[in-house]
Structure formats: structure tokens, C-alpha cells
Protein backbone atom coordinates (compact mmCIF):
# COMPACT_ATOMS: atom_id res chain seq x y z
CA MET A 1 71.00 -86.22 107.49
CA ARG A 2 70.75 -89.71 108.94
CA VAL A 3 72.86 -88.82 111.79
CA LEU A 4 71.40 -85.30 112.41
CA HIS A 5 67.89 -87.31 112.50
CA ALA A 6 69.01 -89.52 115.46
CA MET A 7 70.80 -87.35 116.95
CA ASN A 8 68.08 -84.43 117.10
CA PRO A 9 65.77 -85.80 120.21
CA LEU A 10 68.42 -85.35 122.15
CA ARG A 11 69.82 -82.40 121.25
CA THR A 12 66.21 -80.70 121.37
CA SER A 13 64.84 -82.30 124.70
CA TRP A 14 67.74 -81.66 126.34
CA ILE A 15 68.20 -77.92 125.48
CA GLU A 16 64.03 -78.03 126.56
CA GLN A 17 64.69 -79.45 130.03
CA ARG A 18 67.69 -76.42 130.46
CA LEU A 19 64.99 -74.05 129.42
CA GLU A 20 62.39 -74.56 131.92
CA PRO A 21 63.89 -71.61 134.22
CA LEU A 22 63.65 -69.35 132.00
CA THR A 23 60.17 -69.77 130.17
CA GLN A 24 59.09 -69.62 134.12
CA ALA A 25 60.96 -66.25 134.56
CA ARG A 26 59.65 -64.68 131.10
CA GLY A 27 56.21 -65.84 131.92
CA GLY A 28 55.36 -66.83 128.72
CA PRO A 29 56.51 -68.57 125.04
CA LEU A 30 59.96 -68.15 124.78
CA SER A 31 61.71 -66.71 120.73
CA LEU A 32 64.39 -68.86 119.56
CA LEU A 33 66.69 -68.40 116.64
CA ASP A 34 67.69 -71.38 115.24
CA ILE A 35 71.21 -70.95 113.27
CA GLY A 36 71.85 -72.92 110.46
CA CYS A 37 68.49 -74.66 110.95
CA GLY A 38 69.41 -76.35 107.31
CA ALA A 39 66.04 -77.59 106.46
CA GLY A 40 64.18 -77.37 109.81
CA LEU A 41 64.63 -80.59 111.60
CA ALA A 42 65.57 -78.86 115.33
CA SER A 43 63.21 -75.88 114.50
CA GLU A 44 60.39 -77.56 114.05
CA ALA A 45 60.80 -79.88 117.42
CA PHE A 46 61.35 -76.98 118.73
CA ALA A 47 57.93 -75.23 117.80
CA LYS A 48 56.01 -78.30 118.50
CA MET A 49 57.56 -77.59 122.01
CA GLY A 50 55.55 -74.43 122.11
CA LEU A 51 58.39 -71.86 120.94
CA ASN A 52 58.21 -69.27 118.89
CA VAL A 53 61.02 -70.21 116.19
CA LEU A 54 62.92 -68.59 113.47
CA GLY A 55 64.87 -71.10 111.38
CA LEU A 56 67.97 -69.03 109.88
CA ASP A 57 70.05 -70.72 107.06
CA ALA A 58 72.29 -69.12 104.17
CA SER A 59 70.90 -72.02 101.85
CA LYS A 60 67.71 -70.76 100.20
CA GLU A 61 67.33 -74.52 99.15
CA ALA A 62 67.27 -75.49 102.29
CA ILE A 63 64.80 -73.19 103.33
CA ALA A 64 62.67 -73.96 100.67
CA ALA A 65 62.76 -77.11 101.77
CA ALA A 66 62.00 -76.61 105.29
CA ALA A 67 59.13 -74.39 104.16
CA ALA A 68 57.92 -77.45 101.83
CA HIS A 69 57.79 -79.72 105.08
CA GLN A 70 56.22 -77.40 107.17
CA GLU A 71 53.40 -77.11 104.18
CA GLN A 72 53.05 -80.86 103.90
CA ALA A 73 53.27 -81.61 107.77
CA PRO A 74 51.68 -78.48 109.50
CA LEU A 75 52.26 -78.20 113.32
CA PRO A 76 49.51 -78.93 115.60
CA ALA A 77 47.72 -76.47 117.80
CA THR A 78 49.45 -76.65 120.49
CA ALA A 79 52.59 -75.40 119.00
CA GLY A 80 54.66 -72.43 118.83
CA THR A 81 54.98 -70.04 115.60
CA LEU A 82 57.36 -70.82 112.95
CA SER A 83 58.93 -69.29 110.28
CA TYR A 84 62.18 -69.65 108.18
CA ARG A 85 64.47 -66.70 106.93
CA ALA A 86 67.15 -67.54 104.21
CA GLY A 87 70.29 -65.07 105.04
CA SER A 88 72.96 -64.72 107.53
CA ALA A 89 73.02 -64.20 111.20
CA GLU A 90 75.26 -60.77 110.75
CA ASP A 91 71.84 -59.14 108.95
CA LEU A 92 69.93 -60.21 112.30
CA VAL A 93 72.53 -58.23 114.12
CA SER A 94 72.59 -54.91 111.83
CA GLU A 95 68.67 -55.46 112.01
CA GLY A 96 69.14 -55.37 116.11
CA ALA A 97 67.15 -58.50 116.49
CA GLN A 98 67.36 -60.13 119.49
CA PHE A 99 65.92 -63.64 121.11
CA ASP A 100 65.03 -65.36 124.38
CA VAL A 101 67.16 -68.52 123.05
CA VAL A 102 69.35 -68.78 120.22
CA THR A 103 70.60 -72.21 118.78
CA ALA A 104 73.72 -73.13 116.98
CA LEU A 105 73.63 -77.27 116.25
CA GLU A 106 76.85 -78.61 114.18
CA VAL A 107 77.70 -75.35 113.26
CA ILE A 108 80.23 -73.89 115.26
CA GLU A 109 82.88 -76.43 113.88
CA HIS A 110 82.53 -74.81 110.28
CA VAL A 111 82.85 -71.23 111.20
CA THR A 112 86.25 -69.56 110.27
CA ASP A 113 86.19 -67.27 113.66
CA PRO A 114 84.71 -69.31 116.25
CA GLN A 115 85.18 -66.28 119.15
CA ALA A 116 83.31 -63.74 116.31
CA PHE A 117 80.60 -66.39 115.98
CA LEU A 118 80.33 -66.40 119.54
CA LYS A 119 79.72 -62.72 119.92
CA MET A 120 77.17 -62.42 117.34
CA LEU A 121 75.32 -65.01 119.07
CA SER A 122 75.46 -63.47 122.70
CA THR A 123 74.25 -60.12 120.71
CA LEU A 124 71.59 -61.97 119.17
CA THR A 125 70.52 -63.39 122.70
CA ARG A 126 68.17 -60.94 125.11
CA PRO A 127 70.39 -60.26 128.31
CA GLY A 128 69.03 -63.64 130.62
CA GLY A 129 68.72 -65.34 127.72
CA SER A 130 70.22 -68.57 126.68
CA VAL A 131 72.36 -69.91 123.75
CA ALA A 132 73.00 -73.90 123.27
CA ILE A 133 75.64 -75.26 121.04
CA SER A 134 76.35 -78.51 120.04
CA THR A 135 79.35 -79.58 118.70
CA LEU A 136 82.62 -81.95 118.21
CA ASN A 137 85.69 -82.40 120.78
CA ARG A 138 88.96 -82.22 119.25
CA THR A 139 90.39 -85.35 120.62
CA LEU A 140 92.59 -88.47 119.08
CA ARG A 141 89.21 -90.56 119.47
CA SER A 142 86.84 -87.99 117.75
CA PHE A 143 89.62 -87.65 114.53
CA THR A 144 89.00 -91.50 114.41
CA VAL A 145 85.41 -91.54 114.99
CA ALA A 146 83.86 -88.38 113.30
CA LYS A 147 86.38 -87.92 110.73
CA VAL A 148 88.40 -90.99 109.75
CA GLY A 149 85.90 -92.82 110.73
CA ALA A 150 82.20 -91.31 109.48
CA GLU A 151 83.47 -89.93 106.49
CA TYR A 152 85.66 -92.51 105.25
CA LEU A 153 84.76 -95.85 106.73
CA ALA A 154 81.44 -96.16 107.41
CA ARG A 155 80.41 -93.38 104.43
CA LEU A 156 77.87 -91.69 107.15
CA LEU A 157 79.18 -88.41 106.18
CA PRO A 158 80.64 -86.79 102.66
CA VAL A 159 84.17 -87.06 102.72
CA GLY A 160 85.56 -83.45 103.82
CA THR A 161 82.11 -82.64 105.78
CA HIS A 162 84.75 -81.65 108.68
CA ASP A 163 88.41 -80.31 109.36
CA TRP A 164 88.95 -81.97 113.06
CA ARG A 165 91.59 -78.69 113.30
CA LYS A 166 88.13 -76.66 113.91
CA PHE A 167 86.81 -79.17 116.31
CA ILE A 168 86.81 -77.45 119.80
CA ARG A 169 87.21 -78.82 122.82
CA PRO A 170 84.56 -77.84 125.75
CA ASP A 171 87.31 -76.21 128.09
CA GLU A 172 88.28 -74.08 124.86
CA LEU A 173 84.24 -73.03 124.02
CA SER A 174 83.46 -71.86 127.93
CA ALA A 175 86.26 -69.73 127.80
CA MET A 176 85.74 -67.99 124.04
CA GLY A 177 82.06 -67.61 125.55
CA ARG A 178 82.86 -65.92 129.00
CA LYS A 179 85.04 -63.60 126.34
CA ALA A 180 81.47 -62.78 124.75
CA GLY A 181 79.45 -62.31 127.69
CA LEU A 182 78.19 -65.72 127.77
CA ARG A 183 78.46 -68.54 130.91
CA MET A 184 78.00 -71.98 130.71
CA THR A 185 75.95 -73.56 132.54
CA ASP A 186 75.93 -77.21 131.90
CA VAL A 187 77.68 -79.37 129.42
CA ALA A 188 76.80 -82.74 128.57
CA GLY A 189 78.37 -85.51 126.13
CA MET A 190 75.63 -86.99 123.17
CA THR A 191 76.71 -90.90 122.85
CA PHE A 192 75.15 -93.50 120.23
CA ILE A 193 74.42 -96.21 122.66
CA PRO A 194 72.02 -98.02 120.53
CA PRO A 195 69.15 -97.65 119.64
CA ARG A 196 69.57 -94.41 120.28
CA TRP A 197 71.28 -91.37 120.99
CA ARG A 198 71.86 -90.58 124.88
CA ALA A 199 73.18 -87.56 127.59
CA THR A 200 76.59 -89.32 128.84
CA ARG A 201 79.20 -87.56 130.75
CA ASP A 202 81.57 -88.79 128.03
CA THR A 203 82.72 -85.23 125.91
CA GLY A 204 85.26 -87.09 124.19
CA VAL A 205 83.63 -87.05 120.59
CA ASN A 206 80.18 -85.21 120.42
CA TYR A 207 78.85 -82.89 123.17
CA ILE A 208 76.26 -80.15 123.73
CA ALA A 209 76.49 -77.19 125.98
CA ILE A 210 74.32 -73.99 127.51
CA PHE A 211 75.10 -70.97 127.82
CA THR A 212 73.51 -67.85 129.83
CA ARG A 213 74.40 -64.45 128.74
CA ASP A 214 75.00 -61.94 131.15
């Protein structure tokens, strides 16, 4: 969680900046689905930006933690709405739910079928809406830094957190997005340059991308 806490301001602010045209086009607060929200770190930040957010996670324990934090630290009056739900994205698809924005931050590298996952994200997004994904590139450097370094040397993550073979290159993500009806409109590297994470052109390890649903 230390890593996600440090990275979160960059992820959420980068996405917020790229949602400005959609916000103007829709003429009001956007609805946002945060898939794999965990304890609500990004969901809460998005709500504070004025979006109406649903945080979704398969872990009941994570959702309970998110709800408890929301109760202990209520959102400011200027925030959008924030609710949490324990369950799967497939449940929302079966209900016909759609959102202006769908985010999946540090999720796709853990799924079994990333192509099917992207199709599901597309289905959950209203036409013209946005999908934001942050993940890890499959490079020798990411293996050294994000797998060996983070898990075995620095112990920033539990051993076994990542399977390097599931990391996705930006060009692969773009191609899979096109097959799912999503057009990548921007991508940036996420690089730790002390004292904080910054958006850079270096996508060799961590990166974030945003798509528009056709």
C-alpha cells in the first residue's frame, strides 16, 4: 500500500486532466466506476474531484475497510458522491450498468484474459466515455525493478504479487483496446523521481493510459 499511496496523486490527477473535455461535453459531473478499488484510495480522490464514484472490489474485507474510512473521514461538501460495492464487474455488465468513466488501476496485470477484461471495460463505458488503465510494461527493466527489486530485494511488495509474464507493453494494450472498441488517446510513464512520482515519457516500467470508447 505504501507504493500505491505514493503513486496515487499522480494517477488520479493525470486522469482528471484528461477528463476535462468529457466533463465539458457532458455538461455535469461524470459518473466513474473504479474497478479493483481496494480500500478506496483512488475512489476517494476521484470523489473529492467532484465525480460521482462507485468503487468496486471482489474483496469484502477491502470494501469494508473503504467504507469504514469514508465514515471516519467524510468527504467535503464540494465532493461528488461515493459508494462502494463488493462484487464483480461481470455483475454490473449483467445489470446493464454503464458509466462515463471506468478506471482499472494496477488491475489488468493480474487478470487471466486481458483482452476479455478490456472488452468488459468497454461494455461498462458509455459511448464517447473514457477508460483509464495503469499497469506495468513487460521489459527487462520492469523484471529487474518491479519483480526482483520490489518483491525480493526492497520487500516493497509481497513475494508473488506479480507475474512478469502478464505485464503488457503499451503497444499490446493499444491493440487489445482497439479490438474492444477503445481508442488509446494518451499514455505516459510513471517514474519515481524523489520526492514523488511524476509523469514522464519513460514507459519502461510503470505507465498509465487513457482510452475513448467509440
